[in-house]
Amino acid sequence: MTTSTPRSADEIDALFRGAIRSGQLGDGERLPTVRQTARDFGVAQATAAKAYKSLERDGLIVTRTAAGTRVAPGASRAPQAVIERARAFAEASEGAGVSLEDSIAILRAVWRVEAVPPLE
């Protein structure tokens, strides 16, 4: 799978959201400052700040003066079964040469089909 450097607030949000939900970033773990995130990804500070605001609005991170930005309590893990299946899907996709973008599109399509109740 190819990974690219996030360039938009939505892409930065998705990167951190995935790391938090998969447990790569644990509860209470400190995130880089907005300034450092902007520098790391080569984006404007306002772009990084927008991503952090979205994560905070969704309850995944908390920002405290002098304590920095940390993963919110209870935000860091999806159920283990979901994480295991996501890893298996990622490995299978990578092994088959399916791109990250196509893998996400497949997941979205399956999700929508499963979420829609059958017609009578």
PDB file of N, CA and C in Angstrom:
ATOM      1  N   MET A   1       0.838  -1.173   0.000  1.00  0.00           N
ATOM      2  CA  MET A   1       0.000   0.000   0.000  1.00  0.00           C
ATOM      3  C   MET A   1       0.876   1.226   0.000  1.00  0.00           C
ATOM      4  N   THR A   2       0.476   2.230  -0.718  1.00  0.00           N
ATOM      5  CA  THR A   2       1.238   3.462  -0.705  1.00  0.00           C
ATOM      6  C   THR A   2       0.625   4.403   0.309  1.00  0.00           C
ATOM      7  N   THR A   3       1.495   5.096   0.997  1.00  0.00           N
ATOM      8  CA  THR A   3       1.009   6.102   1.923  1.00  0.00           C
ATOM      9  C   THR A   3       1.588   7.425   1.495  1.00  0.00           C
ATOM     10  N   SER A   4       0.807   8.454   1.594  1.00  0.00           N
ATOM     11  CA  SER A   4       1.283   9.773   1.226  1.00  0.00           C
ATOM     12  C   SER A   4       1.193  10.684   2.436  1.00  0.00           C
ATOM     13  N   THR A   5       1.959  11.743   2.390  1.00  0.00           N
ATOM     14  CA  THR A   5       1.956  12.716   3.471  1.00  0.00           C
ATOM     15  C   THR A   5       0.639  13.481   3.436  1.00  0.00           C
ATOM     16  N   PRO A   6      -0.045  13.556   4.561  1.00  0.00           N
ATOM     17  CA  PRO A   6      -1.306  14.312   4.577  1.00  0.00           C
ATOM     18  C   PRO A   6      -1.051  15.786   4.279  1.00  0.00           C
ATOM     19  N   ARG A   7      -1.918  16.367   3.489  1.00  0.00           N
ATOM     20  CA  ARG A   7      -1.761  17.768   3.089  1.00  0.00           C
ATOM     21  C   ARG A   7      -2.945  18.641   3.480  1.00  0.00           C
ATOM     22  N   SER A   8      -4.037  18.021   3.887  1.00  0.00           N
ATOM     23  CA  SER A   8      -5.223  18.802   4.249  1.00  0.00           C
ATOM     24  C   SER A   8      -5.601  18.499   5.698  1.00  0.00           C
ATOM     25  N   ALA A   9      -6.448  19.335   6.253  1.00  0.00           N
ATOM     26  CA  ALA A   9      -6.926  19.108   7.620  1.00  0.00           C
ATOM     27  C   ALA A   9      -7.655  17.773   7.709  1.00  0.00           C
ATOM     28  N   ASP A  10      -8.443  17.443   6.705  1.00  0.00           N
ATOM     29  CA  ASP A  10      -9.170  16.167   6.715  1.00  0.00           C
ATOM     30  C   ASP A  10      -8.209  14.978   6.699  1.00  0.00           C
ATOM     31  N   GLU A  11      -7.132  15.080   5.949  1.00  0.00           N
ATOM     32  CA  GLU A  11      -6.164  13.986   5.888  1.00  0.00           C
ATOM     33  C   GLU A  11      -5.393  13.849   7.205  1.00  0.00           C
ATOM     34  N   ILE A  12      -5.053  14.977   7.831  1.00  0.00           N
ATOM     35  CA  ILE A  12      -4.373  14.936   9.129  1.00  0.00           C
ATOM     36  C   ILE A  12      -5.319  14.366  10.175  1.00  0.00           C
ATOM     37  N   ASP A  13      -6.575  14.806  10.149  1.00  0.00           N
ATOM     38  CA  ASP A  13      -7.599  14.278  11.049  1.00  0.00           C
ATOM     39  C   ASP A  13      -7.684  12.763  10.887  1.00  0.00           C
ATOM     40  N   ALA A  14      -7.775  12.287   9.658  1.00  0.00           N
ATOM     41  CA  ALA A  14      -7.915  10.846   9.399  1.00  0.00           C
ATOM     42  C   ALA A  14      -6.694  10.067   9.893  1.00  0.00           C
ATOM     43  N   LEU A  15      -5.517  10.634   9.726  1.00  0.00           N
ATOM     44  CA  LEU A  15      -4.296   9.968  10.181  1.00  0.00           C
ATOM     45  C   LEU A  15      -4.302   9.793  11.699  1.00  0.00           C
ATOM     46  N   PHE A  16      -4.560  10.891  12.433  1.00  0.00           N
ATOM     47  CA  PHE A  16      -4.580  10.808  13.891  1.00  0.00           C
ATOM     48  C   PHE A  16      -5.762   9.981  14.385  1.00  0.00           C
ATOM     49  N   ARG A  17      -6.917  10.134  13.749  1.00  0.00           N
ATOM     50  CA  ARG A  17      -8.111   9.373  14.135  1.00  0.00           C
ATOM     51  C   ARG A  17      -7.838   7.875  14.034  1.00  0.00           C
ATOM     52  N   GLY A  18      -7.228   7.450  12.942  1.00  0.00           N
ATOM     53  CA  GLY A  18      -6.892   6.039  12.769  1.00  0.00           C
ATOM     54  C   GLY A  18      -5.893   5.562  13.809  1.00  0.00           C
ATOM     55  N   ALA A  19      -4.886   6.399  14.096  1.00  0.00           N
ATOM     56  CA  ALA A  19      -3.875   6.021  15.091  1.00  0.00           C
ATOM     57  C   ALA A  19      -4.496   5.909  16.482  1.00  0.00           C
ATOM     58  N   ILE A  20      -5.447   6.780  16.783  1.00  0.00           N
ATOM     59  CA  ILE A  20      -6.114   6.742  18.088  1.00  0.00           C
ATOM     60  C   ILE A  20      -7.032   5.526  18.168  1.00  0.00           C
ATOM     61  N   ARG A  21      -7.881   5.347  17.186  1.00  0.00           N
ATOM     62  CA  ARG A  21      -8.857   4.254  17.217  1.00  0.00           C
ATOM     63  C   ARG A  21      -8.207   2.877  17.162  1.00  0.00           C
ATOM     64  N   SER A  22      -7.040   2.791  16.529  1.00  0.00           N
ATOM     65  CA  SER A  22      -6.364   1.495  16.433  1.00  0.00           C
ATOM     66  C   SER A  22      -5.493   1.202  17.650  1.00  0.00           C
ATOM     67  N   GLY A  23      -5.344   2.184  18.518  1.00  0.00           N
ATOM     68  CA  GLY A  23      -4.530   1.990  19.706  1.00  0.00           C
ATOM     69  C   GLY A  23      -3.069   2.334  19.509  1.00  0.00           C
ATOM     70  N   GLN A  24      -2.689   2.800  18.324  1.00  0.00           N
ATOM     71  CA  GLN A  24      -1.305   3.214  18.111  1.00  0.00           C
ATOM     72  C   GLN A  24      -0.970   4.423  18.986  1.00  0.00           C
ATOM     73  N   LEU A  25      -1.957   5.255  19.236  1.00  0.00           N
ATOM     74  CA  LEU A  25      -1.843   6.351  20.206  1.00  0.00           C
ATOM     75  C   LEU A  25      -2.787   6.008  21.346  1.00  0.00           C
ATOM     76  N   GLY A  26      -2.249   5.812  22.520  1.00  0.00           N
ATOM     77  CA  GLY A  26      -3.050   5.375  23.659  1.00  0.00           C
ATOM     78  C   GLY A  26      -3.649   6.522  24.444  1.00  0.00           C
ATOM     79  N   ASP A  27      -4.624   6.193  25.282  1.00  0.00           N
ATOM     80  CA  ASP A  27      -5.257   7.180  26.153  1.00  0.00           C
ATOM     81  C   ASP A  27      -4.189   7.949  26.923  1.00  0.00           C
ATOM     82  N   GLY A  28      -4.324   9.268  26.917  1.00  0.00           N
ATOM     83  CA  GLY A  28      -3.408  10.121  27.659  1.00  0.00           C
ATOM     84  C   GLY A  28      -2.101  10.414  26.950  1.00  0.00           C
ATOM     85  N   GLU A  29      -1.861   9.762  25.829  1.00  0.00           N
ATOM     86  CA  GLU A  29      -0.606   9.991  25.108  1.00  0.00           C
ATOM     87  C   GLU A  29      -0.609  11.386  24.490  1.00  0.00           C
ATOM     88  N   ARG A  30       0.522  12.032  24.576  1.00  0.00           N
ATOM     89  CA  ARG A  30       0.641  13.405  24.098  1.00  0.00           C
ATOM     90  C   ARG A  30       0.840  13.449  22.590  1.00  0.00           C
ATOM     91  N   LEU A  31       0.114  14.341  21.930  1.00  0.00           N
ATOM     92  CA  LEU A  31       0.275  14.575  20.506  1.00  0.00           C
ATOM     93  C   LEU A  31       1.268  15.717  20.317  1.00  0.00           C
ATOM     94  N   PRO A  32       1.869  15.812  19.143  1.00  0.00           N
ATOM     95  CA  PRO A  32       2.741  16.955  18.881  1.00  0.00           C
ATOM     96  C   PRO A  32       1.927  18.248  18.933  1.00  0.00           C
ATOM     97  N   THR A  33       2.612  19.346  19.141  1.00  0.00           N
ATOM     98  CA  THR A  33       1.921  20.639  19.112  1.00  0.00           C
ATOM     99  C   THR A  33       1.394  20.887  17.704  1.00  0.00           C
ATOM    100  N   VAL A  34       0.455  21.812  17.598  1.00  0.00           N
ATOM    101  CA  VAL A  34      -0.061  22.193  16.286  1.00  0.00           C
ATOM    102  C   VAL A  34       1.092  22.684  15.415  1.00  0.00           C
ATOM    103  N   ARG A  35       1.957  23.476  15.999  1.00  0.00           N
ATOM    104  CA  ARG A  35       3.104  24.009  15.247  1.00  0.00           C
ATOM    105  C   ARG A  35       3.985  22.875  14.721  1.00  0.00           C
ATOM    106  N   GLN A  36       4.263  21.885  15.566  1.00  0.00           N
ATOM    107  CA  GLN A  36       5.105  20.762  15.154  1.00  0.00           C
ATOM    108  C   GLN A  36       4.411  19.916  14.093  1.00  0.00           C
ATOM    109  N   THR A  37       3.112  19.688  14.261  1.00  0.00           N
ATOM    110  CA  THR A  37       2.356  18.924  13.263  1.00  0.00           C
ATOM    111  C   THR A  37       2.396  19.629  11.915  1.00  0.00           C
ATOM    112  N   ALA A  38       2.201  20.949  11.926  1.00  0.00           N
ATOM    113  CA  ALA A  38       2.257  21.723  10.682  1.00  0.00           C
ATOM    114  C   ALA A  38       3.637  21.586  10.037  1.00  0.00           C
ATOM    115  N   ARG A  39       4.657  21.681  10.835  1.00  0.00           N
ATOM    116  CA  ARG A  39       6.032  21.565  10.333  1.00  0.00           C
ATOM    117  C   ARG A  39       6.276  20.155   9.775  1.00  0.00           C
ATOM    118  N   ASP A  40       5.849  19.137  10.518  1.00  0.00           N
ATOM    119  CA  ASP A  40       6.070  17.754  10.092  1.00  0.00           C
ATOM    120  C   ASP A  40       5.435  17.442   8.747  1.00  0.00           C
ATOM    121  N   PHE A  41       4.241  17.989   8.511  1.00  0.00           N
ATOM    122  CA  PHE A  41       3.511  17.684   7.280  1.00  0.00           C
ATOM    123  C   PHE A  41       3.641  18.765   6.213  1.00  0.00           C
ATOM    124  N   GLY A  42       4.355  19.837   6.532  1.00  0.00           N
ATOM    125  CA  GLY A  42       4.556  20.900   5.546  1.00  0.00           C
ATOM    126  C   GLY A  42       3.278  21.637   5.193  1.00  0.00           C
ATOM    127  N   VAL A  43       2.435  21.866   6.211  1.00  0.00           N
ATOM    128  CA  VAL A  43       1.178  22.586   5.993  1.00  0.00           C
ATOM    129  C   VAL A  43       1.150  23.821   6.877  1.00  0.00           C
ATOM    130  N   ALA A  44       0.185  24.673   6.637  1.00  0.00           N
ATOM    131  CA  ALA A  44       0.008  25.868   7.463  1.00  0.00           C
ATOM    132  C   ALA A  44      -0.463  25.462   8.862  1.00  0.00           C
ATOM    133  N   GLN A  45      -0.112  26.264   9.853  1.00  0.00           N
ATOM    134  CA  GLN A  45      -0.561  25.984  11.217  1.00  0.00           C
ATOM    135  C   GLN A  45      -2.081  25.959  11.302  1.00  0.00           C
ATOM    136  N   ALA A  46      -2.744  26.809  10.522  1.00  0.00           N
ATOM    137  CA  ALA A  46      -4.208  26.830  10.534  1.00  0.00           C
ATOM    138  C   ALA A  46      -4.782  25.497  10.061  1.00  0.00           C
ATOM    139  N   THR A  47      -4.109  24.840   9.130  1.00  0.00           N
ATOM    140  CA  THR A  47      -4.557  23.527   8.636  1.00  0.00           C
ATOM    141  C   THR A  47      -4.441  22.478   9.742  1.00  0.00           C
ATOM    142  N   ALA A  48      -3.300  22.464  10.419  1.00  0.00           N
ATOM    143  CA  ALA A  48      -3.107  21.513  11.522  1.00  0.00           C
ATOM    144  C   ALA A  48      -4.090  21.809  12.648  1.00  0.00           C
ATOM    145  N   ALA A  49      -4.302  23.088  12.948  1.00  0.00           N
ATOM    146  CA  ALA A  49      -5.233  23.476  14.018  1.00  0.00           C
ATOM    147  C   ALA A  49      -6.653  23.035  13.692  1.00  0.00           C
ATOM    148  N   LYS A  50      -7.042  23.130  12.432  1.00  0.00           N
ATOM    149  CA  LYS A  50      -8.381  22.693  12.020  1.00  0.00           C
ATOM    150  C   LYS A  50      -8.554  21.191  12.252  1.00  0.00           C
ATOM    151  N   ALA A  51      -7.521  20.413  11.954  1.00  0.00           N
ATOM    152  CA  ALA A  51      -7.578  18.962  12.182  1.00  0.00           C
ATOM    153  C   ALA A  51      -7.720  18.668  13.671  1.00  0.00           C
ATOM    154  N   TYR A  52      -6.948  19.356  14.497  1.00  0.00           N
ATOM    155  CA  TYR A  52      -7.013  19.147  15.941  1.00  0.00           C
ATOM    156  C   TYR A  52      -8.382  19.548  16.486  1.00  0.00           C
ATOM    157  N   LYS A  53      -8.943  20.633  15.981  1.00  0.00           N
ATOM    158  CA  LYS A  53     -10.276  21.071  16.434  1.00  0.00           C
ATOM    159  C   LYS A  53     -11.319  20.004  16.125  1.00  0.00           C
ATOM    160  N   SER A  54     -11.228  19.394  14.956  1.00  0.00           N
ATOM    161  CA  SER A  54     -12.164  18.339  14.575  1.00  0.00           C
ATOM    162  C   SER A  54     -12.036  17.137  15.510  1.00  0.00           C
ATOM    163  N   LEU A  55     -10.814  16.735  15.801  1.00  0.00           N
ATOM    164  CA  LEU A  55     -10.588  15.617  16.711  1.00  0.00           C
ATOM    165  C   LEU A  55     -11.082  15.934  18.116  1.00  0.00           C
ATOM    166  N   GLU A  56     -10.884  17.176  18.531  1.00  0.00           N
ATOM    167  CA  GLU A  56     -11.344  17.581  19.861  1.00  0.00           C
ATOM    168  C   GLU A  56     -12.872  17.631  19.910  1.00  0.00           C
ATOM    169  N   ARG A  57     -13.483  18.151  18.871  1.00  0.00           N
ATOM    170  CA  ARG A  57     -14.946  18.214  18.794  1.00  0.00           C
ATOM    171  C   ARG A  57     -15.565  16.823  18.881  1.00  0.00           C
ATOM    172  N   ASP A  58     -14.879  15.835  18.316  1.00  0.00           N
ATOM    173  CA  ASP A  58     -15.372  14.459  18.323  1.00  0.00           C
ATOM    174  C   ASP A  58     -14.971  13.685  19.582  1.00  0.00           C
ATOM    175  N   GLY A  59     -14.313  14.362  20.508  1.00  0.00           N
ATOM    176  CA  GLY A  59     -13.976  13.748  21.789  1.00  0.00           C
ATOM    177  C   GLY A  59     -12.786  12.802  21.762  1.00  0.00           C
ATOM    178  N   LEU A  60     -11.972  12.876  20.713  1.00  0.00           N
ATOM    179  CA  LEU A  60     -10.823  11.983  20.622  1.00  0.00           C
ATOM    180  C   LEU A  60      -9.575  12.550  21.295  1.00  0.00           C
ATOM    181  N   ILE A  61      -9.487  13.866  21.371  1.00  0.00           N
ATOM    182  CA  ILE A  61      -8.348  14.490  22.029  1.00  0.00           C
ATOM    183  C   ILE A  61      -8.841  15.597  22.949  1.00  0.00           C
ATOM    184  N   VAL A  62      -8.006  15.953  23.917  1.00  0.00           N
ATOM    185  CA  VAL A  62      -8.284  17.082  24.810  1.00  0.00           C
ATOM    186  C   VAL A  62      -7.047  17.960  24.846  1.00  0.00           C
ATOM    187  N   THR A  63      -7.268  19.258  24.882  1.00  0.00           N
ATOM    188  CA  THR A  63      -6.173  20.211  24.954  1.00  0.00           C
ATOM    189  C   THR A  63      -6.294  20.977  26.253  1.00  0.00           C
ATOM    190  N   ARG A  64      -5.213  21.008  26.990  1.00  0.00           N
ATOM    191  CA  ARG A  64      -5.149  21.718  28.264  1.00  0.00           C
ATOM    192  C   ARG A  64      -3.938  22.635  28.251  1.00  0.00           C
ATOM    193  N   THR A  65      -4.124  23.853  28.723  1.00  0.00           N
ATOM    194  CA  THR A  65      -3.016  24.786  28.830  1.00  0.00           C
ATOM    195  C   THR A  65      -1.933  24.164  29.703  1.00  0.00           C
ATOM    196  N   ALA A  66      -0.715  24.250  29.258  1.00  0.00           N
ATOM    197  CA  ALA A  66       0.477  23.745  29.936  1.00  0.00           C
ATOM    198  C   ALA A  66       0.591  22.224  29.911  1.00  0.00           C
ATOM    199  N   ALA A  67      -0.471  21.499  29.616  1.00  0.00           N
ATOM    200  CA  ALA A  67      -0.394  20.039  29.547  1.00  0.00           C
ATOM    201  C   ALA A  67      -0.352  19.555  28.103  1.00  0.00           C
ATOM    202  N   GLY A  68      -0.668  20.425  27.172  1.00  0.00           N
ATOM    203  CA  GLY A  68      -0.641  20.062  25.768  1.00  0.00           C
ATOM    204  C   GLY A  68      -1.890  19.330  25.323  1.00  0.00           C
ATOM    205  N   THR A  69      -1.780  18.713  24.178  1.00  0.00           N
ATOM    206  CA  THR A  69      -2.892  17.973  23.587  1.00  0.00           C
ATOM    207  C   THR A  69      -2.628  16.488  23.778  1.00  0.00           C
ATOM    208  N   ARG A  70      -3.634  15.803  24.315  1.00  0.00           N
ATOM    209  CA  ARG A  70      -3.488  14.373  24.619  1.00  0.00           C
ATOM    210  C   ARG A  70      -4.702  13.603  24.105  1.00  0.00           C
ATOM    211  N   VAL A  71      -4.508  12.314  23.921  1.00  0.00           N
ATOM    212  CA  VAL A  71      -5.618  11.443  23.542  1.00  0.00           C
ATOM    213  C   VAL A  71      -6.586  11.388  24.723  1.00  0.00           C
ATOM    214  N   ALA A  72      -7.860  11.580  24.426  1.00  0.00           N
ATOM    215  CA  ALA A  72      -8.898  11.596  25.463  1.00  0.00           C
ATOM    216  C   ALA A  72      -9.048  10.212  26.097  1.00  0.00           C
ATOM    217  N   PRO A  73      -9.400  10.182  27.374  1.00  0.00           N
ATOM    218  CA  PRO A  73      -9.634   8.896  28.038  1.00  0.00           C
ATOM    219  C   PRO A  73     -10.723   8.093  27.313  1.00  0.00           C
ATOM    220  N   GLY A  74     -10.449   6.840  27.063  1.00  0.00           N
ATOM    221  CA  GLY A  74     -11.424   5.957  26.422  1.00  0.00           C
ATOM    222  C   GLY A  74     -11.505   6.069  24.916  1.00  0.00           C
ATOM    223  N   ALA A  75     -10.690   6.936  24.305  1.00  0.00           N
ATOM    224  CA  ALA A  75     -10.787   7.147  22.856  1.00  0.00           C
ATOM    225  C   ALA A  75      -9.889   6.231  22.044  1.00  0.00           C
ATOM    226  N   SER A  76      -8.954   5.564  22.699  1.00  0.00           N
ATOM    227  CA  SER A  76      -7.858   4.970  21.942  1.00  0.00           C
ATOM    228  C   SER A  76      -8.099   3.608  21.315  1.00  0.00           C
ATOM    229  N   ARG A  77      -9.170   2.947  21.576  1.00  0.00           N
ATOM    230  CA  ARG A  77      -9.296   1.612  20.994  1.00  0.00           C
ATOM    231  C   ARG A  77     -10.685   1.306  20.473  1.00  0.00           C
ATOM    232  N   ALA A  78     -10.691   0.843  19.255  1.00  0.00           N
ATOM    233  CA  ALA A  78     -11.899   0.209  18.737  1.00  0.00           C
ATOM    234  C   ALA A  78     -11.884  -1.200  19.321  1.00  0.00           C
ATOM    235  N   PRO A  79     -12.979  -1.911  19.264  1.00  0.00           N
ATOM    236  CA  PRO A  79     -12.965  -3.293  19.750  1.00  0.00           C
ATOM    237  C   PRO A  79     -11.868  -4.102  19.061  1.00  0.00           C
ATOM    238  N   GLN A  80     -11.233  -4.991  19.807  1.00  0.00           N
ATOM    239  CA  GLN A  80     -10.108  -5.773  19.300  1.00  0.00           C
ATOM    240  C   GLN A  80     -10.461  -6.514  18.015  1.00  0.00           C
ATOM    241  N   ALA A  81     -11.665  -7.048  17.933  1.00  0.00           N
ATOM    242  CA  ALA A  81     -12.080  -7.782  16.729  1.00  0.00           C
ATOM    243  C   ALA A  81     -12.050  -6.877  15.500  1.00  0.00           C
ATOM    244  N   VAL A  82     -12.446  -5.626  15.665  1.00  0.00           N
ATOM    245  CA  VAL A  82     -12.438  -4.680  14.546  1.00  0.00           C
ATOM    246  C   VAL A  82     -11.002  -4.393  14.120  1.00  0.00           C
ATOM    247  N   ILE A  83     -10.133  -4.171  15.084  1.00  0.00           N
ATOM    248  CA  ILE A  83      -8.727  -3.883  14.778  1.00  0.00           C
ATOM    249  C   ILE A  83      -8.088  -5.068  14.066  1.00  0.00           C
ATOM    250  N   GLU A  84      -8.332  -6.282  14.561  1.00  0.00           N
ATOM    251  CA  GLU A  84      -7.753  -7.472  13.942  1.00  0.00           C
ATOM    252  C   GLU A  84      -8.232  -7.639  12.504  1.00  0.00           C
ATOM    253  N   ARG A  85      -9.514  -7.444  12.289  1.00  0.00           N
ATOM    254  CA  ARG A  85     -10.049  -7.595  10.926  1.00  0.00           C
ATOM    255  C   ARG A  85      -9.549  -6.484  10.009  1.00  0.00           C
ATOM    256  N   ALA A  86      -9.396  -5.282  10.552  1.00  0.00           N
ATOM    257  CA  ALA A  86      -8.861  -4.176   9.748  1.00  0.00           C
ATOM    258  C   ALA A  86      -7.423  -4.471   9.336  1.00  0.00           C
ATOM    259  N   ARG A  87      -6.632  -4.997  10.265  1.00  0.00           N
ATOM    260  CA  ARG A  87      -5.252  -5.365   9.933  1.00  0.00           C
ATOM    261  C   ARG A  87      -5.222  -6.462   8.874  1.00  0.00           C
ATOM    262  N   ALA A  88      -6.089  -7.454   9.018  1.00  0.00           N
ATOM    263  CA  ALA A  88      -6.145  -8.539   8.033  1.00  0.00           C
ATOM    264  C   ALA A  88      -6.551  -8.002   6.663  1.00  0.00           C
ATOM    265  N   PHE A  89      -7.514  -7.100   6.648  1.00  0.00           N
ATOM    266  CA  PHE A  89      -7.950  -6.483   5.386  1.00  0.00           C
ATOM    267  C   PHE A  89      -6.805  -5.696   4.757  1.00  0.00           C
ATOM    268  N   ALA A  90      -6.099  -4.925   5.572  1.00  0.00           N
ATOM    269  CA  ALA A  90      -4.977  -4.125   5.074  1.00  0.00           C
ATOM    270  C   ALA A  90      -3.886  -5.033   4.494  1.00  0.00           C
ATOM    271  N   GLU A  91      -3.560  -6.112   5.212  1.00  0.00           N
ATOM    272  CA  GLU A  91      -2.542  -7.045   4.729  1.00  0.00           C
ATOM    273  C   GLU A  91      -2.971  -7.716   3.436  1.00  0.00           C
ATOM    274  N   ALA A  92      -4.229  -8.124   3.366  1.00  0.00           N
ATOM    275  CA  ALA A  92      -4.737  -8.769   2.149  1.00  0.00           C
ATOM    276  C   ALA A  92      -4.726  -7.794   0.974  1.00  0.00           C
ATOM    277  N   SER A  93      -5.129  -6.562   1.237  1.00  0.00           N
ATOM    278  CA  SER A  93      -5.139  -5.547   0.176  1.00  0.00           C
ATOM    279  C   SER A  93      -3.731  -5.289  -0.329  1.00  0.00           C
ATOM    280  N   GLU A  94      -2.801  -5.118   0.627  1.00  0.00           N
ATOM    281  CA  GLU A  94      -1.415  -4.861   0.252  1.00  0.00           C
ATOM    282  C   GLU A  94      -0.842  -6.041  -0.536  1.00  0.00           C
ATOM    283  N   GLY A  95      -1.112  -7.252  -0.061  1.00  0.00           N
ATOM    284  CA  GLY A  95      -0.624  -8.450  -0.741  1.00  0.00           C
ATOM    285  C   GLY A  95      -1.156  -8.591  -2.155  1.00  0.00           C
ATOM    286  N   ALA A  96      -2.367  -8.109  -2.370  1.00  0.00           N
ATOM    287  CA  ALA A  96      -2.980  -8.194  -3.693  1.00  0.00           C
ATOM    288  C   ALA A  96      -2.650  -6.986  -4.572  1.00  0.00           C
ATOM    289  N   GLY A  97      -1.894  -6.042  -4.008  1.00  0.00           N
ATOM    290  CA  GLY A  97      -1.520  -4.861  -4.789  1.00  0.00           C
ATOM    291  C   GLY A  97      -2.622  -3.831  -4.913  1.00  0.00           C
ATOM    292  N   VAL A  98      -3.599  -3.897  -4.011  1.00  0.00           N
ATOM    293  CA  VAL A  98      -4.702  -2.929  -4.034  1.00  0.00           C
ATOM    294  C   VAL A  98      -4.237  -1.661  -3.314  1.00  0.00           C
ATOM    295  N   SER A  99      -4.447  -0.518  -3.929  1.00  0.00           N
ATOM    296  CA  SER A  99      -3.995   0.740  -3.336  1.00  0.00           C
ATOM    297  C   SER A  99      -4.801   1.086  -2.091  1.00  0.00           C
ATOM    298  N   LEU A 100      -4.237   1.949  -1.256  1.00  0.00           N
ATOM    299  CA  LEU A 100      -4.938   2.416  -0.070  1.00  0.00           C
ATOM    300  C   LEU A 100      -6.260   3.069  -0.461  1.00  0.00           C
ATOM    301  N   GLU A 101      -6.232   3.912  -1.477  1.00  0.00           N
ATOM    302  CA  GLU A 101      -7.449   4.600  -1.905  1.00  0.00           C
ATOM    303  C   GLU A 101      -8.520   3.611  -2.351  1.00  0.00           C
ATOM    304  N   ASP A 102      -8.119   2.587  -3.109  1.00  0.00           N
ATOM    305  CA  ASP A 102      -9.086   1.584  -3.551  1.00  0.00           C
ATOM    306  C   ASP A 102      -9.589   0.743  -2.382  1.00  0.00           C
ATOM    307  N   SER A 103      -8.703   0.440  -1.440  1.00  0.00           N
ATOM    308  CA  SER A 103      -9.114  -0.330  -0.259  1.00  0.00           C
ATOM    309  C   SER A 103     -10.153   0.439   0.548  1.00  0.00           C
ATOM    310  N   ILE A 104      -9.935   1.716   0.714  1.00  0.00           N
ATOM    311  CA  ILE A 104     -10.897   2.553   1.435  1.00  0.00           C
ATOM    312  C   ILE A 104     -12.217   2.605   0.682  1.00  0.00           C
ATOM    313  N   ALA A 105     -12.143   2.736  -0.650  1.00  0.00           N
ATOM    314  CA  ALA A 105     -13.366   2.763  -1.460  1.00  0.00           C
ATOM    315  C   ALA A 105     -14.138   1.455  -1.328  1.00  0.00           C
ATOM    316  N   ILE A 106     -13.427   0.339  -1.291  1.00  0.00           N
ATOM    317  CA  ILE A 106     -14.073  -0.963  -1.119  1.00  0.00           C
ATOM    318  C   ILE A 106     -14.771  -1.020   0.234  1.00  0.00           C
ATOM    319  N   LEU A 107     -14.069  -0.617   1.275  1.00  0.00           N
ATOM    320  CA  LEU A 107     -14.650  -0.626   2.616  1.00  0.00           C
ATOM    321  C   LEU A 107     -15.891   0.263   2.684  1.00  0.00           C
ATOM    322  N   ARG A 108     -15.800   1.450   2.098  1.00  0.00           N
ATOM    323  CA  ARG A 108     -16.963   2.352   2.096  1.00  0.00           C
ATOM    324  C   ARG A 108     -18.149   1.728   1.362  1.00  0.00           C
ATOM    325  N   ALA A 109     -17.883   1.084   0.233  1.00  0.00           N
ATOM    326  CA  ALA A 109     -18.967   0.468  -0.542  1.00  0.00           C
ATOM    327  C   ALA A 109     -19.605  -0.673   0.235  1.00  0.00           C
ATOM    328  N   VAL A 110     -18.787  -1.514   0.859  1.00  0.00           N
ATOM    329  CA  VAL A 110     -19.312  -2.631   1.648  1.00  0.00           C
ATOM    330  C   VAL A 110     -20.094  -2.099   2.837  1.00  0.00           C
ATOM    331  N   TRP A 111     -19.557  -1.082   3.476  1.00  0.00           N
ATOM    332  CA  TRP A 111     -20.217  -0.486   4.651  1.00  0.00           C
ATOM    333  C   TRP A 111     -21.602   0.014   4.269  1.00  0.00           C
ATOM    334  N   ARG A 112     -21.700   0.712   3.157  1.00  0.00           N
ATOM    335  CA  ARG A 112     -22.980   1.271   2.720  1.00  0.00           C
ATOM    336  C   ARG A 112     -23.970   0.167   2.378  1.00  0.00           C
ATOM    337  N   VAL A 113     -23.494  -0.882   1.724  1.00  0.00           N
ATOM    338  CA  VAL A 113     -24.371  -1.992   1.354  1.00  0.00           C
ATOM    339  C   VAL A 113     -24.894  -2.670   2.615  1.00  0.00           C
ATOM    340  N   GLU A 114     -24.022  -2.909   3.587  1.00  0.00           N
ATOM    341  CA  GLU A 114     -24.411  -3.577   4.821  1.00  0.00           C
ATOM    342  C   GLU A 114     -25.305  -2.698   5.679  1.00  0.00           C
ATOM    343  N   ALA A 115     -25.113  -1.372   5.582  1.00  0.00           N
ATOM    344  CA  ALA A 115     -25.876  -0.448   6.430  1.00  0.00           C
ATOM    345  C   ALA A 115     -27.289  -0.189   5.893  1.00  0.00           C
ATOM    346  N   VAL A 116     -27.487  -0.461   4.611  1.00  0.00           N
ATOM    347  CA  VAL A 116     -28.789  -0.210   4.004  1.00  0.00           C
ATOM    348  C   VAL A 116     -29.677  -1.433   4.210  1.00  0.00           C
ATOM    349  N   PRO A 117     -30.844  -1.256   4.793  1.00  0.00           N
ATOM    350  CA  PRO A 117     -31.729  -2.417   4.991  1.00  0.00           C
ATOM    351  C   PRO A 117     -32.224  -2.938   3.641  1.00  0.00           C
ATOM    352  N   PRO A 118     -32.436  -4.253   3.538  1.00  0.00           N
ATOM    353  CA  PRO A 118     -32.882  -4.821   2.271  1.00  0.00           C
ATOM    354  C   PRO A 118     -34.279  -4.312   1.892  1.00  0.00           C
ATOM    355  N   LEU A 119     -34.505  -4.195   0.604  1.00  0.00           N
ATOM    356  CA  LEU A 119     -35.819  -3.775   0.110  1.00  0.00           C
ATOM    357  C   LEU A 119     -36.781  -4.943   0.198  1.00  0.00           C
ATOM    358  N   GLU A 120     -37.993  -4.660   0.490  1.00  0.00           N
ATOM    359  CA  GLU A 120     -39.016  -5.717   0.586  1.00  0.00           C
ATOM    360  C   GLU A 120     -39.704  -5.925  -0.722  1.00  0.00           C
TER     361      GLU A 120
END
